[in-house]
């Protein structure tokens, strides 16, 4: 997987996730045994993102979403 790409697809025993990373936002589309829907989070490229921090696990992404989507917020306001 090339981490510089703006598209990510994960398929595992929990379901499937497709993400699109834009300049300021990342869009996540889920189809799993836990959740069907979409989520949005800020982007901080080139830093690690939600998918990498979760070890590419759909279950971990969904379970820890409330914490993970906040990790994406820039620490330096000038980055926006």
PDB file of N, CA and C in Angstrom:
ATOM      1  N   UNK A   1       0.849  -1.180   0.000  1.00  0.00           N
ATOM      2  CA  UNK A   1       0.000   0.000   0.000  1.00  0.00           C
ATOM      3  C   UNK A   1       0.889   1.235   0.000  1.00  0.00           C
ATOM      4  N   UNK A   2       0.589   2.164  -0.850  1.00  0.00           N
ATOM      5  CA  UNK A   2       1.326   3.423  -0.909  1.00  0.00           C
ATOM      6  C   UNK A   2       0.636   4.430  -0.009  1.00  0.00           C
ATOM      7  N   UNK A   3       1.294   4.845   1.071  1.00  0.00           N
ATOM      8  CA  UNK A   3       0.679   5.755   2.051  1.00  0.00           C
ATOM      9  C   UNK A   3       0.481   7.164   1.505  1.00  0.00           C
ATOM     10  N   UNK A   4       1.074   7.481   0.369  1.00  0.00           N
ATOM     11  CA  UNK A   4       0.916   8.811  -0.203  1.00  0.00           C
ATOM     12  C   UNK A   4      -0.375   8.944  -0.999  1.00  0.00           C
ATOM     13  N   UNK A   5      -1.084   7.858  -1.203  1.00  0.00           N
ATOM     14  CA  UNK A   5      -2.315   7.916  -1.992  1.00  0.00           C
ATOM     15  C   UNK A   5      -3.444   8.520  -1.179  1.00  0.00           C
ATOM     16  N   UNK A   6      -4.459   9.016  -1.852  1.00  0.00           N
ATOM     17  CA  UNK A   6      -5.580   9.589  -1.130  1.00  0.00           C
ATOM     18  C   UNK A   6      -6.742   8.610  -0.985  1.00  0.00           C
ATOM     19  N   UNK A   7      -6.636   7.423  -1.528  1.00  0.00           N
ATOM     20  CA  UNK A   7      -7.668   6.399  -1.401  1.00  0.00           C
ATOM     21  C   UNK A   7      -7.144   5.227  -0.599  1.00  0.00           C
ATOM     22  N   UNK A   8      -7.970   4.711   0.289  1.00  0.00           N
ATOM     23  CA  UNK A   8      -7.617   3.495   1.020  1.00  0.00           C
ATOM     24  C   UNK A   8      -8.840   2.596   1.051  1.00  0.00           C
ATOM     25  N   UNK A   9      -8.604   1.327   0.842  1.00  0.00           N
ATOM     26  CA  UNK A   9      -9.665   0.320   0.934  1.00  0.00           C
ATOM     27  C   UNK A   9      -9.172  -0.763   1.879  1.00  0.00           C
ATOM     28  N   UNK A  10      -9.984  -1.074   2.878  1.00  0.00           N
ATOM     29  CA  UNK A  10      -9.665  -2.153   3.807  1.00  0.00           C
ATOM     30  C   UNK A  10     -10.820  -3.137   3.775  1.00  0.00           C
ATOM     31  N   UNK A  11     -10.493  -4.394   3.584  1.00  0.00           N
ATOM     32  CA  UNK A  11     -11.488  -5.461   3.648  1.00  0.00           C
ATOM     33  C   UNK A  11     -10.930  -6.497   4.614  1.00  0.00           C
ATOM     34  N   UNK A  12     -11.697  -6.798   5.659  1.00  0.00           N
ATOM     35  CA  UNK A  12     -11.268  -7.817   6.612  1.00  0.00           C
ATOM     36  C   UNK A  12     -12.490  -8.574   7.117  1.00  0.00           C
ATOM     37  N   UNK A  13     -12.317  -9.404   8.116  1.00  0.00           N
ATOM     38  CA  UNK A  13     -13.420 -10.196   8.651  1.00  0.00           C
ATOM     39  C   UNK A  13     -14.524  -9.374   9.276  1.00  0.00           C
ATOM     40  N   UNK A  14     -14.250  -8.112   9.582  1.00  0.00           N
ATOM     41  CA  UNK A  14     -15.235  -7.213  10.180  1.00  0.00           C
ATOM     42  C   UNK A  14     -16.099  -6.515   9.140  1.00  0.00           C
ATOM     43  N   UNK A  15     -15.623  -6.435   7.886  1.00  0.00           N
ATOM     44  CA  UNK A  15     -16.384  -5.742   6.850  1.00  0.00           C
ATOM     45  C   UNK A  15     -15.457  -5.062   5.870  1.00  0.00           C
ATOM     46  N   UNK A  16     -15.878  -3.875   5.400  1.00  0.00           N
ATOM     47  CA  UNK A  16     -15.091  -3.131   4.427  1.00  0.00           C
ATOM     48  C   UNK A  16     -15.142  -1.643   4.746  1.00  0.00           C
ATOM     49  N   UNK A  17     -14.046  -0.962   4.440  1.00  0.00           N
ATOM     50  CA  UNK A  17     -13.970   0.476   4.624  1.00  0.00           C
ATOM     51  C   UNK A  17     -13.275   1.076   3.411  1.00  0.00           C
ATOM     52  N   UNK A  18     -13.802   2.191   2.958  1.00  0.00           N
ATOM     53  CA  UNK A  18     -13.226   2.937   1.852  1.00  0.00           C
ATOM     54  C   UNK A  18     -13.028   4.356   2.364  1.00  0.00           C
ATOM     55  N   UNK A  19     -11.825   4.900   2.243  1.00  0.00           N
ATOM     56  CA  UNK A  19     -11.602   6.276   2.689  1.00  0.00           C
ATOM     57  C   UNK A  19     -11.037   7.112   1.559  1.00  0.00           C
ATOM     58  N   UNK A  20     -11.437   8.363   1.564  1.00  0.00           N
ATOM     59  CA  UNK A  20     -10.955   9.350   0.602  1.00  0.00           C
ATOM     60  C   UNK A  20     -10.378  10.500   1.419  1.00  0.00           C
ATOM     61  N   UNK A  21      -9.123  10.824   1.179  1.00  0.00           N
ATOM     62  CA  UNK A  21      -8.490  11.925   1.888  1.00  0.00           C
ATOM     63  C   UNK A  21      -8.370  13.114   0.955  1.00  0.00           C
ATOM     64  N   UNK A  22      -8.958  14.210   1.389  1.00  0.00           N
ATOM     65  CA  UNK A  22      -8.880  15.461   0.640  1.00  0.00           C
ATOM     66  C   UNK A  22      -7.896  16.376   1.354  1.00  0.00           C
ATOM     67  N   UNK A  23      -7.796  17.617   0.933  1.00  0.00           N
ATOM     68  CA  UNK A  23      -6.824  18.533   1.516  1.00  0.00           C
ATOM     69  C   UNK A  23      -7.084  18.779   3.005  1.00  0.00           C
ATOM     70  N   UNK A  24      -8.354  18.972   3.407  1.00  0.00           N
ATOM     71  CA  UNK A  24      -8.662  19.298   4.799  1.00  0.00           C
ATOM     72  C   UNK A  24      -9.486  18.250   5.524  1.00  0.00           C
ATOM     73  N   UNK A  25     -10.112  17.339   4.803  1.00  0.00           N
ATOM     74  CA  UNK A  25     -10.991  16.350   5.421  1.00  0.00           C
ATOM     75  C   UNK A  25     -10.716  14.958   4.849  1.00  0.00           C
ATOM     76  N   UNK A  26     -10.990  13.969   5.692  1.00  0.00           N
ATOM     77  CA  UNK A  26     -10.944  12.574   5.256  1.00  0.00           C
ATOM     78  C   UNK A  26     -12.349  12.011   5.436  1.00  0.00           C
ATOM     79  N   UNK A  27     -12.847  11.332   4.423  1.00  0.00           N
ATOM     80  CA  UNK A  27     -14.192  10.747   4.434  1.00  0.00           C
ATOM     81  C   UNK A  27     -14.057   9.235   4.502  1.00  0.00           C
ATOM     82  N   UNK A  28     -14.752   8.629   5.460  1.00  0.00           N
ATOM     83  CA  UNK A  28     -14.692   7.188   5.680  1.00  0.00           C
ATOM     84  C   UNK A  28     -16.070   6.591   5.446  1.00  0.00           C
ATOM     85  N   UNK A  29     -16.149   5.577   4.610  1.00  0.00           N
ATOM     86  CA  UNK A  29     -17.399   4.881   4.325  1.00  0.00           C
ATOM     87  C   UNK A  29     -17.250   3.445   4.810  1.00  0.00           C
ATOM     88  N   UNK A  30     -18.164   3.017   5.689  1.00  0.00           N
ATOM     89  CA  UNK A  30     -18.067   1.715   6.327  1.00  0.00           C
ATOM     90  C   UNK A  30     -19.233   0.813   5.953  1.00  0.00           C
ATOM     91  N   UNK A  31     -18.935  -0.454   5.841  1.00  0.00           N
ATOM     92  CA  UNK A  31     -19.933  -1.505   5.736  1.00  0.00           C
ATOM     93  C   UNK A  31     -19.375  -2.648   6.580  1.00  0.00           C
ATOM     94  N   UNK A  32     -19.878  -2.774   7.817  1.00  0.00           N
ATOM     95  CA  UNK A  32     -19.343  -3.796   8.711  1.00  0.00           C
ATOM     96  C   UNK A  32     -20.473  -4.415   9.520  1.00  0.00           C
ATOM     97  N   UNK A  33     -20.107  -5.421  10.325  1.00  0.00           N
ATOM     98  CA  UNK A  33     -21.132  -6.044  11.160  1.00  0.00           C
ATOM     99  C   UNK A  33     -21.509  -5.152  12.328  1.00  0.00           C
ATOM    100  N   UNK A  34     -20.788  -4.067  12.581  1.00  0.00           N
ATOM    101  CA  UNK A  34     -21.083  -3.115  13.640  1.00  0.00           C
ATOM    102  C   UNK A  34     -21.798  -1.875  13.144  1.00  0.00           C
ATOM    103  N   UNK A  35     -21.455  -1.428  11.949  1.00  0.00           N
ATOM    104  CA  UNK A  35     -21.853  -0.086  11.515  1.00  0.00           C
ATOM    105  C   UNK A  35     -21.936  -0.019   9.998  1.00  0.00           C
ATOM    106  N   UNK A  36     -22.945   0.652   9.510  1.00  0.00           N
ATOM    107  CA  UNK A  36     -23.057   0.970   8.088  1.00  0.00           C
ATOM    108  C   UNK A  36     -23.257   2.471   8.018  1.00  0.00           C
ATOM    109  N   UNK A  37     -22.358   3.161   7.353  1.00  0.00           N
ATOM    110  CA  UNK A  37     -22.489   4.605   7.265  1.00  0.00           C
ATOM    111  C   UNK A  37     -21.180   5.275   6.925  1.00  0.00           C
ATOM    112  N   UNK A  38     -21.116   6.572   7.220  1.00  0.00           N
ATOM    113  CA  UNK A  38     -19.951   7.378   6.878  1.00  0.00           C
ATOM    114  C   UNK A  38     -19.551   8.241   8.063  1.00  0.00           C
ATOM    115  N   UNK A  39     -18.285   8.578   8.098  1.00  0.00           N
ATOM    116  CA  UNK A  39     -17.732   9.464   9.120  1.00  0.00           C
ATOM    117  C   UNK A  39     -16.775  10.431   8.421  1.00  0.00           C
ATOM    118  N   UNK A  40     -16.570  11.592   9.040  1.00  0.00           N
ATOM    119  CA  UNK A  40     -15.665  12.604   8.501  1.00  0.00           C
ATOM    120  C   UNK A  40     -14.716  13.038   9.609  1.00  0.00           C
ATOM    121  N   UNK A  41     -13.445  13.256   9.266  1.00  0.00           N
ATOM    122  CA  UNK A  41     -12.444  13.716  10.228  1.00  0.00           C
ATOM    123  C   UNK A  41     -11.496  14.686   9.531  1.00  0.00           C
ATOM    124  N   UNK A  42     -10.874  15.589  10.293  1.00  0.00           N
ATOM    125  CA  UNK A  42      -9.856  16.466   9.711  1.00  0.00           C
ATOM    126  C   UNK A  42      -8.649  15.656   9.245  1.00  0.00           C
ATOM    127  N   UNK A  43      -7.907  16.200   8.310  1.00  0.00           N
ATOM    128  CA  UNK A  43      -6.719  15.548   7.773  1.00  0.00           C
ATOM    129  C   UNK A  43      -5.472  16.276   8.252  1.00  0.00           C
ATOM    130  N   UNK A  44      -4.431  15.533   8.576  1.00  0.00           N
ATOM    131  CA  UNK A  44      -3.151  16.152   8.955  1.00  0.00           C
ATOM    132  C   UNK A  44      -1.998  15.570   8.151  1.00  0.00           C
ATOM    133  N   UNK A  45      -2.212  15.232   6.905  1.00  0.00           N
ATOM    134  CA  UNK A  45      -1.128  14.689   6.087  1.00  0.00           C
ATOM    135  C   UNK A  45       0.091  15.591   6.192  1.00  0.00           C
ATOM    136  N   UNK A  46       1.264  15.067   6.322  1.00  0.00           N
ATOM    137  CA  UNK A  46       1.692  13.687   6.145  1.00  0.00           C
ATOM    138  C   UNK A  46       1.774  12.887   7.446  1.00  0.00           C
ATOM    139  N   UNK A  47       1.226  13.408   8.558  1.00  0.00           N
ATOM    140  CA  UNK A  47       1.265  12.679   9.831  1.00  0.00           C
ATOM    141  C   UNK A  47       0.440  11.399   9.749  1.00  0.00           C
ATOM    142  N   UNK A  48       0.650  10.508  10.725  1.00  0.00           N
ATOM    143  CA  UNK A  48      -0.154   9.286  10.790  1.00  0.00           C
ATOM    144  C   UNK A  48      -1.620   9.636  10.942  1.00  0.00           C
ATOM    145  N   UNK A  49      -2.467   8.846  10.310  1.00  0.00           N
ATOM    146  CA  UNK A  49      -3.892   9.092  10.358  1.00  0.00           C
ATOM    147  C   UNK A  49      -4.641   8.009  11.105  1.00  0.00           C
ATOM    148  N   UNK A  50      -5.946   8.089  11.077  1.00  0.00           N
ATOM    149  CA  UNK A  50      -6.824   7.171  11.790  1.00  0.00           C
ATOM    150  C   UNK A  50      -6.565   5.722  11.380  1.00  0.00           C
ATOM    151  N   UNK A  51      -6.434   5.466  10.105  1.00  0.00           N
ATOM    152  CA  UNK A  51      -6.253   4.099   9.611  1.00  0.00           C
ATOM    153  C   UNK A  51      -4.935   3.511  10.121  1.00  0.00           C
ATOM    154  N   UNK A  52      -3.865   4.280  10.033  1.00  0.00           N
ATOM    155  CA  UNK A  52      -2.564   3.796  10.486  1.00  0.00           C
ATOM    156  C   UNK A  52      -2.525   3.617  12.006  1.00  0.00           C
ATOM    157  N   UNK A  53      -3.093   4.569  12.750  1.00  0.00           N
ATOM    158  CA  UNK A  53      -3.109   4.483  14.207  1.00  0.00           C
ATOM    159  C   UNK A  53      -3.923   3.291  14.708  1.00  0.00           C
ATOM    160  N   UNK A  54      -4.860   2.816  13.897  1.00  0.00           N
ATOM    161  CA  UNK A  54      -5.705   1.679  14.268  1.00  0.00           C
ATOM    162  C   UNK A  54      -5.160   0.351  13.766  1.00  0.00           C
ATOM    163  N   UNK A  55      -3.997   0.371  13.197  1.00  0.00           N
ATOM    164  CA  UNK A  55      -3.413  -0.867  12.682  1.00  0.00           C
ATOM    165  C   UNK A  55      -4.206  -1.459  11.541  1.00  0.00           C
ATOM    166  N   UNK A  56      -4.867  -0.622  10.756  1.00  0.00           N
ATOM    167  CA  UNK A  56      -5.658  -1.042   9.601  1.00  0.00           C
ATOM    168  C   UNK A  56      -6.811  -1.970   9.996  1.00  0.00           C
ATOM    169  N   UNK A  57      -7.339  -1.804  11.204  1.00  0.00           N
ATOM    170  CA  UNK A  57      -8.440  -2.628  11.703  1.00  0.00           C
ATOM    171  C   UNK A  57      -9.741  -1.825  11.710  1.00  0.00           C
ATOM    172  N   UNK A  58     -10.724  -2.286  10.952  1.00  0.00           N
ATOM    173  CA  UNK A  58     -12.025  -1.611  10.905  1.00  0.00           C
ATOM    174  C   UNK A  58     -12.655  -1.594  12.293  1.00  0.00           C
ATOM    175  N   UNK A  59     -12.576  -2.703  13.009  1.00  0.00           N
ATOM    176  CA  UNK A  59     -13.143  -2.788  14.357  1.00  0.00           C
ATOM    177  C   UNK A  59     -12.529  -1.727  15.282  1.00  0.00           C
ATOM    178  N   UNK A  60     -11.207  -1.568  15.240  1.00  0.00           N
ATOM    179  CA  UNK A  60     -10.538  -0.576  16.093  1.00  0.00           C
ATOM    180  C   UNK A  60     -10.900   0.847  15.687  1.00  0.00           C
ATOM    181  N   UNK A  61     -11.026   1.089  14.399  1.00  0.00           N
ATOM    182  CA  UNK A  61     -11.409   2.426  13.931  1.00  0.00           C
ATOM    183  C   UNK A  61     -12.779   2.795  14.483  1.00  0.00           C
ATOM    184  N   UNK A  62     -13.736   1.907  14.329  1.00  0.00           N
ATOM    185  CA  UNK A  62     -15.096   2.192  14.799  1.00  0.00           C
ATOM    186  C   UNK A  62     -15.182   2.258  16.326  1.00  0.00           C
ATOM    187  N   UNK A  63     -14.518   1.337  16.997  1.00  0.00           N
ATOM    188  CA  UNK A  63     -14.567   1.289  18.461  1.00  0.00           C
ATOM    189  C   UNK A  63     -13.950   2.539  19.088  1.00  0.00           C
ATOM    190  N   UNK A  64     -12.885   3.045  18.501  1.00  0.00           N
ATOM    191  CA  UNK A  64     -12.147   4.169  19.074  1.00  0.00           C
ATOM    192  C   UNK A  64     -12.356   5.488  18.336  1.00  0.00           C
ATOM    193  N   UNK A  65     -13.421   5.582  17.551  1.00  0.00           N
ATOM    194  CA  UNK A  65     -13.635   6.768  16.710  1.00  0.00           C
ATOM    195  C   UNK A  65     -13.623   8.065  17.506  1.00  0.00           C
ATOM    196  N   UNK A  66     -14.296   8.129  18.636  1.00  0.00           N
ATOM    197  CA  UNK A  66     -14.388   9.372  19.400  1.00  0.00           C
ATOM    198  C   UNK A  66     -13.010   9.895  19.802  1.00  0.00           C
ATOM    199  N   UNK A  67     -12.081   9.014  20.073  1.00  0.00           N
ATOM    200  CA  UNK A  67     -10.717   9.426  20.417  1.00  0.00           C
ATOM    201  C   UNK A  67      -9.896   9.655  19.152  1.00  0.00           C
ATOM    202  N   UNK A  68     -10.013   8.775  18.192  1.00  0.00           N
ATOM    203  CA  UNK A  68      -9.174   8.842  16.994  1.00  0.00           C
ATOM    204  C   UNK A  68      -9.452  10.063  16.129  1.00  0.00           C
ATOM    205  N   UNK A  69     -10.703  10.452  15.966  1.00  0.00           N
ATOM    206  CA  UNK A  69     -10.946  11.589  15.086  1.00  0.00           C
ATOM    207  C   UNK A  69     -10.420  12.880  15.691  1.00  0.00           C
ATOM    208  N   UNK A  70     -10.225  12.919  17.010  1.00  0.00           N
ATOM    209  CA  UNK A  70      -9.627  14.093  17.648  1.00  0.00           C
ATOM    210  C   UNK A  70      -8.111  14.113  17.487  1.00  0.00           C
ATOM    211  N   UNK A  71      -7.492  12.942  17.345  1.00  0.00           N
ATOM    212  CA  UNK A  71      -6.051  12.858  17.141  1.00  0.00           C
ATOM    213  C   UNK A  71      -5.674  13.577  15.858  1.00  0.00           C
ATOM    214  N   UNK A  72      -6.586  13.604  14.918  1.00  0.00           N
ATOM    215  CA  UNK A  72      -6.314  14.199  13.625  1.00  0.00           C
ATOM    216  C   UNK A  72      -6.260  15.720  13.655  1.00  0.00           C
ATOM    217  N   UNK A  73      -6.727  16.356  14.736  1.00  0.00           N
ATOM    218  CA  UNK A  73      -6.743  17.815  14.777  1.00  0.00           C
ATOM    219  C   UNK A  73      -5.316  18.364  14.841  1.00  0.00           C
ATOM    220  N   UNK A  74      -5.017  19.357  14.022  1.00  0.00           N
ATOM    221  CA  UNK A  74      -3.664  19.922  14.023  1.00  0.00           C
ATOM    222  C   UNK A  74      -3.331  20.537  15.372  1.00  0.00           C
ATOM    223  N   UNK A  75      -2.111  20.312  15.835  1.00  0.00           N
ATOM    224  CA  UNK A  75      -1.672  20.896  17.097  1.00  0.00           C
ATOM    225  C   UNK A  75      -1.268  22.350  16.899  1.00  0.00           C
ATOM    226  N   UNK A  76      -0.891  22.699  15.680  1.00  0.00           N
ATOM    227  CA  UNK A  76      -0.445  24.037  15.350  1.00  0.00           C
ATOM    228  C   UNK A  76      -1.512  24.695  14.471  1.00  0.00           C
ATOM    229  N   UNK A  77      -2.204  25.736  14.972  1.00  0.00           N
ATOM    230  CA  UNK A  77      -3.287  26.372  14.185  1.00  0.00           C
ATOM    231  C   UNK A  77      -2.844  26.890  12.824  1.00  0.00           C
ATOM    232  N   UNK A  78      -1.544  27.173  12.635  1.00  0.00           N
ATOM    233  CA  UNK A  78      -1.081  27.680  11.349  1.00  0.00           C
ATOM    234  C   UNK A  78      -1.119  26.635  10.252  1.00  0.00           C
ATOM    235  N   UNK A  79      -1.320  25.338  10.624  1.00  0.00           N
ATOM    236  CA  UNK A  79      -1.368  24.254   9.625  1.00  0.00           C
ATOM    237  C   UNK A  79      -2.651  24.271   8.830  1.00  0.00           C
ATOM    238  N   UNK A  80      -3.666  24.936   9.285  1.00  0.00           N
ATOM    239  CA  UNK A  80      -4.971  24.926   8.609  1.00  0.00           C
ATOM    240  C   UNK A  80      -4.976  25.724   7.383  1.00  0.00           C
TER     241      UNK A  80
END
